[in-house]
Amino acid sequence: MKKYNVGLVGYGWAATAHIPGINATTLGQVTAICSSRPLDAAELSTQYGSDITVYNDLDEMLANPAIQVVSICGYPNQHAGQTIRAAKAGKHVISEKPMATSVADCDRMISVCKAAKVKLAIGYRLHYDLYHQELMRLAREQDFGPFMKMAGDRAFVFGQRAWRIDKKLAGGGAMMDLGIYIVHGACMAANGSAPIFVTAHEEPKQKPELFNEVEETIRWSMEFRNGARCDAVTSFNHSADTFRAEGAKGWIEFKQHAFTYRGIVAETSRNPLNFAAINQQAAQMDDFADCILSGRDTSVPGELGRRDMQIITAIYEAARTGKRVKVNA
């Protein structure tokens, strides 16, 4: 079967993870990259094993009729504009997370993609990971009862100035880059439900000269309609990647690499989990290509990214005001 040609927008760390994954699929291959950086097309083609054309102008890449799918891997504040341009050019879109830096931009992305009759998916690759699929199965079938107590910690030590701490580009700090994984994971554990209230506080900055625009560490709690609660922390000043969800009859715990591309270590109150490692990006791309072919809806649509942006917006408001904030999701 002929593969879908994918054009990547942005060539940073995310793109270098996406390209091998997409090229490992049965239904997709990267054939174009648009970047403001000077790139060698021949070198990239050799490195990734597909014939890649390099563009410096997005509209020029979008004008190529051979490209059917665009993967948005640039700065978060660019996701909305780039998605809208791609959709208007008739391309299906996968946008990295966070979907955008505001709920209003999420709305624009969804609206334009619907009007253009193109698919929009968000880069929630963990929906295709077998460990996280088990989390969702447990939540759906309630083997351990509903998960009523959740906790997460995702952090790394950030020691250099880069786009992640530029508020204009990133939209925020640790919450936008890392905390979003826990927000999304807790909603998975709540069987897709969003919290109805949040509380939060930003901790004092250990490196105020570096984190002078965005939060360094933030702690927050999410309250769900059924009484479930998730207590979480995200930071650019310690190392962690864990998540735990408990029900009346048992629990599941991601002890290491909870939200990473590989190396997940997890167990339940019943037994250790030992699923086969998969290429999460390849699984997502194959599923998205099948959605295009079959016409079915993706399981990670723009509405999911919008929901998470609503939750994050409420968390920031709670941290700013010190109040318990209602989530409009």
C-alpha atoms as a PDB file:
ATOM      1  CA  MET A   1       0.000   0.000   0.000  1.00  0.00           C
ATOM      2  CA  LYS A   2       1.293   3.472  -0.847  1.00  0.00           C
ATOM      3  CA  LYS A   3       2.412   5.389   2.227  1.00  0.00           C
ATOM      4  CA  TYR A   4       1.109   8.766   3.266  1.00  0.00           C
ATOM      5  CA  ASN A   5       3.671  11.524   2.761  1.00  0.00           C
ATOM      6  CA  VAL A   6       4.207  13.542   5.925  1.00  0.00           C
ATOM      7  CA  GLY A   7       5.655  17.048   6.124  1.00  0.00           C
ATOM      8  CA  LEU A   8       7.195  18.032   9.465  1.00  0.00           C
ATOM      9  CA  VAL A   9       7.110  21.620  10.717  1.00  0.00           C
ATOM     10  CA  GLY A  10      10.041  22.447  13.000  1.00  0.00           C
ATOM     11  CA  TYR A  11      13.232  20.503  13.484  1.00  0.00           C
ATOM     12  CA  GLY A  12      13.971  20.324  17.201  1.00  0.00           C
ATOM     13  CA  TRP A  13      14.115  17.449  19.678  1.00  0.00           C
ATOM     14  CA  ALA A  14      10.498  16.426  19.082  1.00  0.00           C
ATOM     15  CA  ALA A  15      11.034  16.159  15.335  1.00  0.00           C
ATOM     16  CA  THR A  16      14.089  13.944  15.774  1.00  0.00           C
ATOM     17  CA  ALA A  17      11.900  11.578  17.807  1.00  0.00           C
ATOM     18  CA  HIS A  18       8.979  11.743  15.378  1.00  0.00           C
ATOM     19  CA  ILE A  19      10.792  11.067  12.123  1.00  0.00           C
ATOM     20  CA  PRO A  20      12.116   7.560  12.936  1.00  0.00           C
ATOM     21  CA  GLY A  21       8.727   6.661  14.389  1.00  0.00           C
ATOM     22  CA  ILE A  22       6.783   7.831  11.359  1.00  0.00           C
ATOM     23  CA  ASN A  23       9.224   6.134   8.992  1.00  0.00           C
ATOM     24  CA  ALA A  24       8.801   2.878  10.941  1.00  0.00           C
ATOM     25  CA  THR A  25       5.091   2.776  10.123  1.00  0.00           C
ATOM     26  CA  THR A  26       3.356   0.812   7.426  1.00  0.00           C
ATOM     27  CA  LEU A  27       1.313   3.812   6.291  1.00  0.00           C
ATOM     28  CA  GLY A  28       3.493   6.914   6.651  1.00  0.00           C
ATOM     29  CA  GLN A  29       6.857   8.369   5.684  1.00  0.00           C
ATOM     30  CA  VAL A  30       8.445  11.785   6.219  1.00  0.00           C
ATOM     31  CA  THR A  31       9.160  13.383   2.839  1.00  0.00           C
ATOM     32  CA  ALA A  32       9.505  17.062   3.829  1.00  0.00           C
ATOM     33  CA  ILE A  33      10.754  19.208   6.700  1.00  0.00           C
ATOM     34  CA  CYS A  34      10.092  22.932   7.081  1.00  0.00           C
ATOM     35  CA  SER A  35      12.561  24.685   9.378  1.00  0.00           C
ATOM     36  CA  SER A  36      14.148  28.077   9.855  1.00  0.00           C
ATOM     37  CA  ARG A  37      17.401  26.231  10.575  1.00  0.00           C
ATOM     38  CA  PRO A  38      19.772  25.432   7.709  1.00  0.00           C
ATOM     39  CA  LEU A  39      19.375  21.714   7.007  1.00  0.00           C
ATOM     40  CA  ASP A  40      21.023  19.377   4.516  1.00  0.00           C
ATOM     41  CA  ALA A  41      18.334  17.416   2.653  1.00  0.00           C
ATOM     42  CA  ALA A  42      20.715  14.727   1.421  1.00  0.00           C
ATOM     43  CA  GLU A  43      22.127  14.205   4.893  1.00  0.00           C
ATOM     44  CA  LEU A  44      18.634  13.947   6.414  1.00  0.00           C
ATOM     45  CA  SER A  45      17.485  11.540   3.713  1.00  0.00           C
ATOM     46  CA  THR A  46      20.440   9.272   4.440  1.00  0.00           C
ATOM     47  CA  GLN A  47      19.975   9.554   8.195  1.00  0.00           C
ATOM     48  CA  TYR A  48      16.258   8.722   8.213  1.00  0.00           C
ATOM     49  CA  GLY A  49      15.956   6.467   5.185  1.00  0.00           C
ATOM     50  CA  SER A  50      13.375   8.451   3.220  1.00  0.00           C
ATOM     51  CA  ASP A  51      13.718  11.020   0.455  1.00  0.00           C
ATOM     52  CA  ILE A  52      13.348  14.329   2.345  1.00  0.00           C
ATOM     53  CA  THR A  53      12.949  17.799   0.820  1.00  0.00           C
ATOM     54  CA  VAL A  54      13.848  20.760   3.030  1.00  0.00           C
ATOM     55  CA  TYR A  55      11.742  23.931   2.978  1.00  0.00           C
ATOM     56  CA  ASN A  56      12.345  27.271   4.673  1.00  0.00           C
ATOM     57  CA  ASP A  57       8.859  28.552   3.848  1.00  0.00           C
ATOM     58  CA  LEU A  58       5.801  26.777   5.243  1.00  0.00           C
ATOM     59  CA  ASP A  59       3.441  27.891   2.483  1.00  0.00           C
ATOM     60  CA  GLU A  60       5.840  26.521  -0.118  1.00  0.00           C
ATOM     61  CA  MET A  61       5.801  23.127   1.607  1.00  0.00           C
ATOM     62  CA  LEU A  62       2.016  23.215   1.938  1.00  0.00           C
ATOM     63  CA  ALA A  63       1.705  23.897  -1.776  1.00  0.00           C
ATOM     64  CA  ASN A  64       3.241  20.497  -2.504  1.00  0.00           C
ATOM     65  CA  PRO A  65       0.263  18.275  -3.472  1.00  0.00           C
ATOM     66  CA  ALA A  66       2.235  15.110  -2.651  1.00  0.00           C
ATOM     67  CA  ILE A  67       2.109  15.916   1.077  1.00  0.00           C
ATOM     68  CA  GLN A  68      -1.090  14.655   2.685  1.00  0.00           C
ATOM     69  CA  VAL A  69      -0.296  14.974   6.418  1.00  0.00           C
ATOM     70  CA  VAL A  70       1.482  17.717   8.350  1.00  0.00           C
ATOM     71  CA  SER A  71       3.066  17.067  11.750  1.00  0.00           C
ATOM     72  CA  ILE A  72       3.412  20.261  13.807  1.00  0.00           C
ATOM     73  CA  CYS A  73       6.534  20.080  16.007  1.00  0.00           C
ATOM     74  CA  GLY A  74       7.402  23.752  16.465  1.00  0.00           C
ATOM     75  CA  TYR A  75       7.024  26.060  19.464  1.00  0.00           C
ATOM     76  CA  PRO A  76       3.645  25.806  21.251  1.00  0.00           C
ATOM     77  CA  ASN A  77       2.713  29.406  20.406  1.00  0.00           C
ATOM     78  CA  GLN A  78       3.054  28.531  16.712  1.00  0.00           C
ATOM     79  CA  HIS A  79       0.852  25.424  16.751  1.00  0.00           C
ATOM     80  CA  ALA A  80      -2.419  27.247  16.092  1.00  0.00           C
ATOM     81  CA  GLY A  81      -1.238  29.351  13.161  1.00  0.00           C
ATOM     82  CA  GLN A  82       0.631  26.489  11.503  1.00  0.00           C
ATOM     83  CA  THR A  83      -2.279  24.080  11.952  1.00  0.00           C
ATOM     84  CA  ILE A  84      -4.719  26.565  10.449  1.00  0.00           C
ATOM     85  CA  ARG A  85      -2.479  27.184   7.427  1.00  0.00           C
ATOM     86  CA  ALA A  86      -2.039  23.443   6.891  1.00  0.00           C
ATOM     87  CA  ALA A  87      -5.784  22.783   7.162  1.00  0.00           C
ATOM     88  CA  LYS A  88      -6.620  25.542   4.688  1.00  0.00           C
ATOM     89  CA  ALA A  89      -4.139  23.895   2.311  1.00  0.00           C
ATOM     90  CA  GLY A  90      -6.144  20.665   2.602  1.00  0.00           C
ATOM     91  CA  LYS A  91      -3.657  18.766   4.782  1.00  0.00           C
ATOM     92  CA  HIS A  92      -4.549  16.509   7.693  1.00  0.00           C
ATOM     93  CA  VAL A  93      -2.769  17.607  10.875  1.00  0.00           C
ATOM     94  CA  ILE A  94      -1.117  16.081  13.930  1.00  0.00           C
ATOM     95  CA  SER A  95      -0.185  18.831  16.384  1.00  0.00           C
ATOM     96  CA  GLU A  96       2.244  18.246  19.213  1.00  0.00           C
ATOM     97  CA  LYS A  97       1.144  18.973  22.760  1.00  0.00           C
ATOM     98  CA  PRO A  98       0.364  21.308  24.298  1.00  0.00           C
ATOM     99  CA  MET A  99      -2.137  21.818  21.517  1.00  0.00           C
ATOM    100  CA  ALA A 100      -1.811  25.606  21.803  1.00  0.00           C
ATOM    101  CA  THR A 101      -1.121  28.261  24.420  1.00  0.00           C
ATOM    102  CA  SER A 102      -4.762  29.295  24.882  1.00  0.00           C
ATOM    103  CA  VAL A 103      -8.209  27.744  24.739  1.00  0.00           C
ATOM    104  CA  ALA A 104      -9.200  30.328  22.119  1.00  0.00           C
ATOM    105  CA  ASP A 105      -6.434  29.088  19.824  1.00  0.00           C
ATOM    106  CA  CYS A 106      -7.580  25.487  20.365  1.00  0.00           C
ATOM    107  CA  ASP A 107     -11.069  26.546  19.287  1.00  0.00           C
ATOM    108  CA  ARG A 108      -9.700  28.156  16.129  1.00  0.00           C
ATOM    109  CA  MET A 109      -7.735  25.034  15.229  1.00  0.00           C
ATOM    110  CA  ILE A 110     -10.761  22.763  15.671  1.00  0.00           C
ATOM    111  CA  SER A 111     -13.090  25.085  13.767  1.00  0.00           C
ATOM    112  CA  VAL A 112     -10.820  25.555  10.753  1.00  0.00           C
ATOM    113  CA  CYS A 113     -10.004  21.839  10.476  1.00  0.00           C
ATOM    114  CA  LYS A 114     -13.707  20.976  10.532  1.00  0.00           C
ATOM    115  CA  ALA A 115     -14.490  23.601   7.912  1.00  0.00           C
ATOM    116  CA  ALA A 116     -11.668  22.291   5.710  1.00  0.00           C
ATOM    117  CA  LYS A 117     -12.866  18.698   6.243  1.00  0.00           C
ATOM    118  CA  VAL A 118      -9.426  17.509   7.374  1.00  0.00           C
ATOM    119  CA  LYS A 119      -8.518  15.357  10.371  1.00  0.00           C
ATOM    120  CA  LEU A 120      -6.916  16.945  13.437  1.00  0.00           C
ATOM    121  CA  ALA A 121      -5.113  14.811  16.020  1.00  0.00           C
ATOM    122  CA  ILE A 122      -3.004  15.801  19.024  1.00  0.00           C
ATOM    123  CA  GLY A 123       0.324  14.096  19.734  1.00  0.00           C
ATOM    124  CA  TYR A 124      -0.885  12.027  22.679  1.00  0.00           C
ATOM    125  CA  ARG A 125       1.337   9.079  21.732  1.00  0.00           C
ATOM    126  CA  LEU A 126       0.776   7.406  25.116  1.00  0.00           C
ATOM    127  CA  HIS A 127      -2.766   6.480  24.066  1.00  0.00           C
ATOM    128  CA  TYR A 128      -1.078   3.867  21.882  1.00  0.00           C
ATOM    129  CA  ASP A 129       1.391   2.615  24.496  1.00  0.00           C
ATOM    130  CA  LEU A 130       0.432  -0.785  25.932  1.00  0.00           C
ATOM    131  CA  TYR A 131       1.044   0.221  29.555  1.00  0.00           C
ATOM    132  CA  HIS A 132      -1.199   3.261  29.248  1.00  0.00           C
ATOM    133  CA  GLN A 133      -3.784   1.242  27.378  1.00  0.00           C
ATOM    134  CA  GLU A 134      -3.866  -1.021  30.436  1.00  0.00           C
ATOM    135  CA  LEU A 135      -4.417   2.037  32.635  1.00  0.00           C
ATOM    136  CA  MET A 136      -7.342   3.051  30.438  1.00  0.00           C
ATOM    137  CA  ARG A 137      -8.723  -0.504  30.441  1.00  0.00           C
ATOM    138  CA  LEU A 138      -8.606  -0.660  34.231  1.00  0.00           C
ATOM    139  CA  ALA A 139     -10.375   2.692  34.418  1.00  0.00           C
ATOM    140  CA  ARG A 140     -13.008   1.637  31.901  1.00  0.00           C
ATOM    141  CA  GLU A 141     -13.710  -1.850  33.290  1.00  0.00           C
ATOM    142  CA  GLN A 142     -13.116  -0.853  36.930  1.00  0.00           C
ATOM    143  CA  ASP A 143     -11.187  -3.989  37.866  1.00  0.00           C
ATOM    144  CA  PHE A 144     -10.070  -2.157  41.007  1.00  0.00           C
ATOM    145  CA  GLY A 145     -13.170  -0.002  41.248  1.00  0.00           C
ATOM    146  CA  PRO A 146     -13.016   3.635  40.129  1.00  0.00           C
ATOM    147  CA  PHE A 147      -9.623   5.215  40.757  1.00  0.00           C
ATOM    148  CA  MET A 148     -10.282   7.625  43.621  1.00  0.00           C
ATOM    149  CA  LYS A 149      -6.750   8.590  44.654  1.00  0.00           C
ATOM    150  CA  MET A 150      -4.115   9.594  42.114  1.00  0.00           C
ATOM    151  CA  ALA A 151      -0.655  11.107  42.377  1.00  0.00           C
ATOM    152  CA  GLY A 152       1.940  12.158  39.823  1.00  0.00           C
ATOM    153  CA  ASP A 153       5.390  13.736  39.650  1.00  0.00           C
ATOM    154  CA  ARG A 154       7.062  14.682  36.373  1.00  0.00           C
ATOM    155  CA  ALA A 155      10.202  16.786  36.435  1.00  0.00           C
ATOM    156  CA  PHE A 156      13.746  17.230  35.252  1.00  0.00           C
ATOM    157  CA  VAL A 157      16.589  19.563  36.168  1.00  0.00           C
ATOM    158  CA  PHE A 158      16.658  22.370  33.630  1.00  0.00           C
ATOM    159  CA  GLY A 159      19.854  24.374  33.623  1.00  0.00           C
ATOM    160  CA  GLN A 160      19.983  26.364  30.421  1.00  0.00           C
ATOM    161  CA  ARG A 161      18.073  29.139  28.730  1.00  0.00           C
ATOM    162  CA  ALA A 162      15.899  27.824  25.923  1.00  0.00           C
ATOM    163  CA  TRP A 163      12.406  28.132  24.455  1.00  0.00           C
ATOM    164  CA  ARG A 164      10.854  26.079  27.291  1.00  0.00           C
ATOM    165  CA  ILE A 165      11.263  28.994  29.695  1.00  0.00           C
ATOM    166  CA  ASP A 166      10.335  31.704  27.187  1.00  0.00           C
ATOM    167  CA  LYS A 167       6.727  32.483  28.084  1.00  0.00           C
ATOM    168  CA  LYS A 168       5.883  33.879  24.656  1.00  0.00           C
ATOM    169  CA  LEU A 169       7.038  30.719  22.888  1.00  0.00           C
ATOM    170  CA  ALA A 170       6.037  28.044  25.435  1.00  0.00           C
ATOM    171  CA  GLY A 171       2.989  29.624  27.048  1.00  0.00           C
ATOM    172  CA  GLY A 172       4.319  28.707  30.510  1.00  0.00           C
ATOM    173  CA  GLY A 173       6.990  26.666  32.227  1.00  0.00           C
ATOM    174  CA  ALA A 174       7.046  23.195  33.756  1.00  0.00           C
ATOM    175  CA  MET A 175       3.252  22.866  33.670  1.00  0.00           C
ATOM    176  CA  MET A 176       3.009  23.331  29.904  1.00  0.00           C
ATOM    177  CA  ASP A 177       6.018  21.149  29.117  1.00  0.00           C
ATOM    178  CA  LEU A 178       5.737  18.365  31.728  1.00  0.00           C
ATOM    179  CA  GLY A 179       2.663  18.824  33.905  1.00  0.00           C
ATOM    180  CA  ILE A 180       0.380  18.305  30.923  1.00  0.00           C
ATOM    181  CA  TYR A 181       1.330  14.603  31.008  1.00  0.00           C
ATOM    182  CA  ILE A 182      -0.038  14.206  34.531  1.00  0.00           C
ATOM    183  CA  VAL A 183      -3.141  16.231  33.711  1.00  0.00           C
ATOM    184  CA  HIS A 184      -3.811  13.938  30.775  1.00  0.00           C
ATOM    185  CA  GLY A 185      -2.847  10.784  32.696  1.00  0.00           C
ATOM    186  CA  ALA A 186      -5.261  11.616  35.505  1.00  0.00           C
ATOM    187  CA  CYS A 187      -8.073  12.071  32.988  1.00  0.00           C
ATOM    188  CA  MET A 188      -7.157   8.656  31.525  1.00  0.00           C
ATOM    189  CA  ALA A 189      -7.400   7.172  35.022  1.00  0.00           C
ATOM    190  CA  ALA A 190     -10.764   8.919  35.457  1.00  0.00           C
ATOM    191  CA  ASN A 191     -12.041   7.092  32.352  1.00  0.00           C
ATOM    192  CA  GLY A 192     -11.870  10.219  30.218  1.00  0.00           C
ATOM    193  CA  SER A 193     -13.547  12.565  32.700  1.00  0.00           C
ATOM    194  CA  ALA A 194     -12.148  16.025  33.349  1.00  0.00           C
ATOM    195  CA  PRO A 195     -11.758  17.473  36.845  1.00  0.00           C
ATOM    196  CA  ILE A 196     -14.362  19.968  37.974  1.00  0.00           C
ATOM    197  CA  PHE A 197     -12.173  21.973  40.393  1.00  0.00           C
ATOM    198  CA  VAL A 198      -8.465  22.620  40.842  1.00  0.00           C
ATOM    199  CA  THR A 199      -6.248  24.196  43.472  1.00  0.00           C
ATOM    200  CA  ALA A 200      -2.581  25.057  42.967  1.00  0.00           C
ATOM    201  CA  HIS A 201       0.444  26.954  44.203  1.00  0.00           C
ATOM    202  CA  GLU A 202       3.788  27.845  42.693  1.00  0.00           C
ATOM    203  CA  GLU A 203       6.756  27.044  44.891  1.00  0.00           C
ATOM    204  CA  PRO A 204       9.532  29.597  45.517  1.00  0.00           C
ATOM    205  CA  LYS A 205      12.042  29.647  42.692  1.00  0.00           C
ATOM    206  CA  GLN A 206      15.473  28.182  43.330  1.00  0.00           C
ATOM    207  CA  LYS A 207      16.855  29.730  40.124  1.00  0.00           C
ATOM    208  CA  PRO A 208      14.942  33.019  39.736  1.00  0.00           C
ATOM    209  CA  GLU A 209      17.509  34.364  37.306  1.00  0.00           C
ATOM    210  CA  LEU A 210      16.664  31.513  34.909  1.00  0.00           C
ATOM    211  CA  PHE A 211      12.931  31.166  35.520  1.00  0.00           C
ATOM    212  CA  ASN A 212      12.116  34.868  35.450  1.00  0.00           C
ATOM    213  CA  GLU A 213       9.202  34.494  33.018  1.00  0.00           C
ATOM    214  CA  VAL A 214       7.636  31.131  33.901  1.00  0.00           C
ATOM    215  CA  GLU A 215       7.058  28.806  36.839  1.00  0.00           C
ATOM    216  CA  GLU A 216       9.899  26.552  37.961  1.00  0.00           C
ATOM    217  CA  THR A 217       7.857  24.252  40.225  1.00  0.00           C
ATOM    218  CA  ILE A 218       4.101  24.051  40.684  1.00  0.00           C
ATOM    219  CA  ARG A 219       1.948  21.778  42.853  1.00  0.00           C
ATOM    220  CA  TRP A 220      -1.717  21.262  42.154  1.00  0.00           C
ATOM    221  CA  SER A 221      -4.739  19.114  42.939  1.00  0.00           C
ATOM    222  CA  MET A 222      -7.603  18.085  40.673  1.00  0.00           C
ATOM    223  CA  GLU A 223     -11.038  17.178  42.038  1.00  0.00           C
ATOM    224  CA  PHE A 224     -13.351  14.999  39.944  1.00  0.00           C
ATOM    225  CA  ARG A 225     -17.126  14.830  40.023  1.00  0.00           C
ATOM    226  CA  ASN A 226     -17.187  11.372  41.654  1.00  0.00           C
ATOM    227  CA  GLY A 227     -14.958  12.524  44.524  1.00  0.00           C
ATOM    228  CA  ALA A 228     -11.685  11.283  43.024  1.00  0.00           C
ATOM    229  CA  ARG A 229      -8.613  13.441  43.545  1.00  0.00           C
ATOM    230  CA  CYS A 230      -5.200  13.747  41.941  1.00  0.00           C
ATOM    231  CA  ASP A 231      -2.310  15.468  43.753  1.00  0.00           C
ATOM    232  CA  ALA A 232       0.590  16.337  41.500  1.00  0.00           C
ATOM    233  CA  VAL A 233       3.815  18.262  41.098  1.00  0.00           C
ATOM    234  CA  THR A 234       5.848  19.273  38.087  1.00  0.00           C
ATOM    235  CA  SER A 235       9.205  20.985  38.096  1.00  0.00           C
ATOM    236  CA  PHE A 236      12.306  22.046  36.226  1.00  0.00           C
ATOM    237  CA  ASN A 237      14.349  21.518  39.398  1.00  0.00           C
ATOM    238  CA  HIS A 238      14.272  17.813  40.311  1.00  0.00           C
ATOM    239  CA  SER A 239      14.087  14.484  38.493  1.00  0.00           C
ATOM    240  CA  ALA A 240      10.951  12.319  38.530  1.00  0.00           C
ATOM    241  CA  ASP A 241       8.527  10.534  36.212  1.00  0.00           C
ATOM    242  CA  THR A 242       5.907   8.625  38.233  1.00  0.00           C
ATOM    243  CA  PHE A 243       2.140   8.164  38.385  1.00  0.00           C
ATOM    244  CA  ARG A 244      -0.122   6.098  40.658  1.00  0.00           C
ATOM    245  CA  ALA A 245      -3.878   5.492  40.671  1.00  0.00           C
ATOM    246  CA  GLU A 246      -5.684   3.674  43.502  1.00  0.00           C
ATOM    247  CA  GLY A 247      -9.150   2.185  43.740  1.00  0.00           C
ATOM    248  CA  ALA A 248     -10.926   0.375  46.569  1.00  0.00           C
ATOM    249  CA  LYS A 249      -9.844  -3.015  45.176  1.00  0.00           C
ATOM    250  CA  GLY A 250      -6.314  -2.302  43.950  1.00  0.00           C
ATOM    251  CA  TRP A 251      -3.898   0.063  42.263  1.00  0.00           C
ATOM    252  CA  ILE A 252      -1.624   0.644  39.282  1.00  0.00           C
ATOM    253  CA  GLU A 253       1.718   2.403  39.667  1.00  0.00           C
ATOM    254  CA  PHE A 254       4.133   3.687  37.047  1.00  0.00           C
ATOM    255  CA  LYS A 255       7.341   3.577  39.042  1.00  0.00           C
ATOM    256  CA  GLN A 256       9.797   4.794  36.392  1.00  0.00           C
ATOM    257  CA  HIS A 257       9.563   6.565  33.036  1.00  0.00           C
ATOM    258  CA  ALA A 258       5.804   6.867  33.394  1.00  0.00           C
ATOM    259  CA  PHE A 259       5.337   9.203  30.443  1.00  0.00           C
ATOM    260  CA  THR A 260       8.418   8.615  28.301  1.00  0.00           C
ATOM    261  CA  TYR A 261       8.962   6.970  24.916  1.00  0.00           C
ATOM    262  CA  ARG A 262      10.429   3.778  26.361  1.00  0.00           C
ATOM    263  CA  GLY A 263      11.593   2.060  29.529  1.00  0.00           C
ATOM    264  CA  ILE A 264       8.295   2.206  31.446  1.00  0.00           C
ATOM    265  CA  VAL A 265       8.374   0.257  34.705  1.00  0.00           C
ATOM    266  CA  ALA A 266       4.898  -0.383  36.101  1.00  0.00           C
ATOM    267  CA  GLU A 267       2.956  -2.787  38.283  1.00  0.00           C
ATOM    268  CA  THR A 268      -0.483  -3.324  39.731  1.00  0.00           C
ATOM    269  CA  SER A 269      -1.539  -4.629  43.128  1.00  0.00           C
ATOM    270  CA  ARG A 270      -2.099  -7.881  41.276  1.00  0.00           C
ATOM    271  CA  ASN A 271       1.232  -8.295  39.457  1.00  0.00           C
ATOM    272  CA  PRO A 272       4.148  -6.553  37.681  1.00  0.00           C
ATOM    273  CA  LEU A 273       3.364  -5.401  34.138  1.00  0.00           C
ATOM    274  CA  ASN A 274       5.607  -6.543  31.338  1.00  0.00           C
ATOM    275  CA  PHE A 275       4.212  -5.414  27.999  1.00  0.00           C
ATOM    276  CA  ALA A 276       6.233  -5.433  24.809  1.00  0.00           C
ATOM    277  CA  ALA A 277       7.914  -2.138  24.011  1.00  0.00           C
ATOM    278  CA  ILE A 278       6.410  -0.461  20.961  1.00  0.00           C
ATOM    279  CA  ASN A 279       7.261   2.600  18.924  1.00  0.00           C
ATOM    280  CA  GLN A 280       4.563   4.965  20.201  1.00  0.00           C
ATOM    281  CA  GLN A 281       4.989   7.425  17.328  1.00  0.00           C
ATOM    282  CA  ALA A 282       4.674   4.660  14.747  1.00  0.00           C
ATOM    283  CA  ALA A 283       1.528   3.335  16.406  1.00  0.00           C
ATOM    284  CA  GLN A 284      -0.056   6.781  16.452  1.00  0.00           C
ATOM    285  CA  MET A 285       0.838   7.544  12.838  1.00  0.00           C
ATOM    286  CA  ASP A 286      -0.487   4.211  11.593  1.00  0.00           C
ATOM    287  CA  ASP A 287      -3.726   4.773  13.478  1.00  0.00           C
ATOM    288  CA  PHE A 288      -4.068   8.314  12.131  1.00  0.00           C
ATOM    289  CA  ALA A 289      -3.448   7.133   8.567  1.00  0.00           C
ATOM    290  CA  ASP A 290      -6.119   4.483   9.045  1.00  0.00           C
ATOM    291  CA  CYS A 291      -8.513   7.185  10.294  1.00  0.00           C
ATOM    292  CA  ILE A 292      -7.909   9.092   7.060  1.00  0.00           C
ATOM    293  CA  LEU A 293      -8.410   5.989   4.921  1.00  0.00           C
ATOM    294  CA  SER A 294     -11.513   4.731   6.732  1.00  0.00           C
ATOM    295  CA  GLY A 295     -13.063   8.065   7.667  1.00  0.00           C
ATOM    296  CA  ARG A 296     -13.337   7.124  11.336  1.00  0.00           C
ATOM    297  CA  ASP A 297     -12.552   9.589  14.126  1.00  0.00           C
ATOM    298  CA  THR A 298      -9.188   9.628  15.877  1.00  0.00           C
ATOM    299  CA  SER A 299      -9.116   8.751  19.585  1.00  0.00           C
ATOM    300  CA  VAL A 300      -6.916  11.811  20.236  1.00  0.00           C
ATOM    301  CA  PRO A 301      -8.855  14.654  18.567  1.00  0.00           C
ATOM    302  CA  GLY A 302      -8.442  18.387  18.991  1.00  0.00           C
ATOM    303  CA  GLU A 303     -11.208  18.375  21.594  1.00  0.00           C
ATOM    304  CA  LEU A 304      -8.924  16.360  23.881  1.00  0.00           C
ATOM    305  CA  GLY A 305      -6.147  18.925  23.549  1.00  0.00           C
ATOM    306  CA  ARG A 306      -8.662  21.707  24.180  1.00  0.00           C
ATOM    307  CA  ARG A 307      -9.869  19.975  27.365  1.00  0.00           C
ATOM    308  CA  ASP A 308      -6.332  19.767  28.721  1.00  0.00           C
ATOM    309  CA  MET A 309      -5.689  23.423  27.906  1.00  0.00           C
ATOM    310  CA  GLN A 310      -8.836  24.348  29.838  1.00  0.00           C
ATOM    311  CA  ILE A 311      -7.551  22.397  32.847  1.00  0.00           C
ATOM    312  CA  ILE A 312      -4.091  23.964  32.650  1.00  0.00           C
ATOM    313  CA  THR A 313      -5.629  27.433  32.332  1.00  0.00           C
ATOM    314  CA  ALA A 314      -7.614  26.784  35.528  1.00  0.00           C
ATOM    315  CA  ILE A 315      -4.469  25.520  37.315  1.00  0.00           C
ATOM    316  CA  TYR A 316      -2.585  28.700  36.433  1.00  0.00           C
ATOM    317  CA  GLU A 317      -5.516  30.801  37.679  1.00  0.00           C
ATOM    318  CA  ALA A 318      -5.620  28.834  40.934  1.00  0.00           C
ATOM    319  CA  ALA A 319      -1.869  29.334  41.447  1.00  0.00           C
ATOM    320  CA  ARG A 320      -2.178  33.050  40.700  1.00  0.00           C
ATOM    321  CA  THR A 321      -5.191  33.711  42.931  1.00  0.00           C
ATOM    322  CA  GLY A 322      -4.742  31.107  45.663  1.00  0.00           C
ATOM    323  CA  LYS A 323      -8.398  30.127  45.129  1.00  0.00           C
ATOM    324  CA  ARG A 324     -10.175  26.900  44.272  1.00  0.00           C
ATOM    325  CA  VAL A 325     -11.064  27.312  40.597  1.00  0.00           C
ATOM    326  CA  LYS A 326     -13.838  25.681  38.607  1.00  0.00           C
ATOM    327  CA  VAL A 327     -12.719  23.979  35.389  1.00  0.00           C
ATOM    328  CA  ASN A 328     -14.769  24.957  32.355  1.00  0.00           C
ATOM    329  CA  ALA A 329     -14.284  21.671  30.499  1.00  0.00           C
END
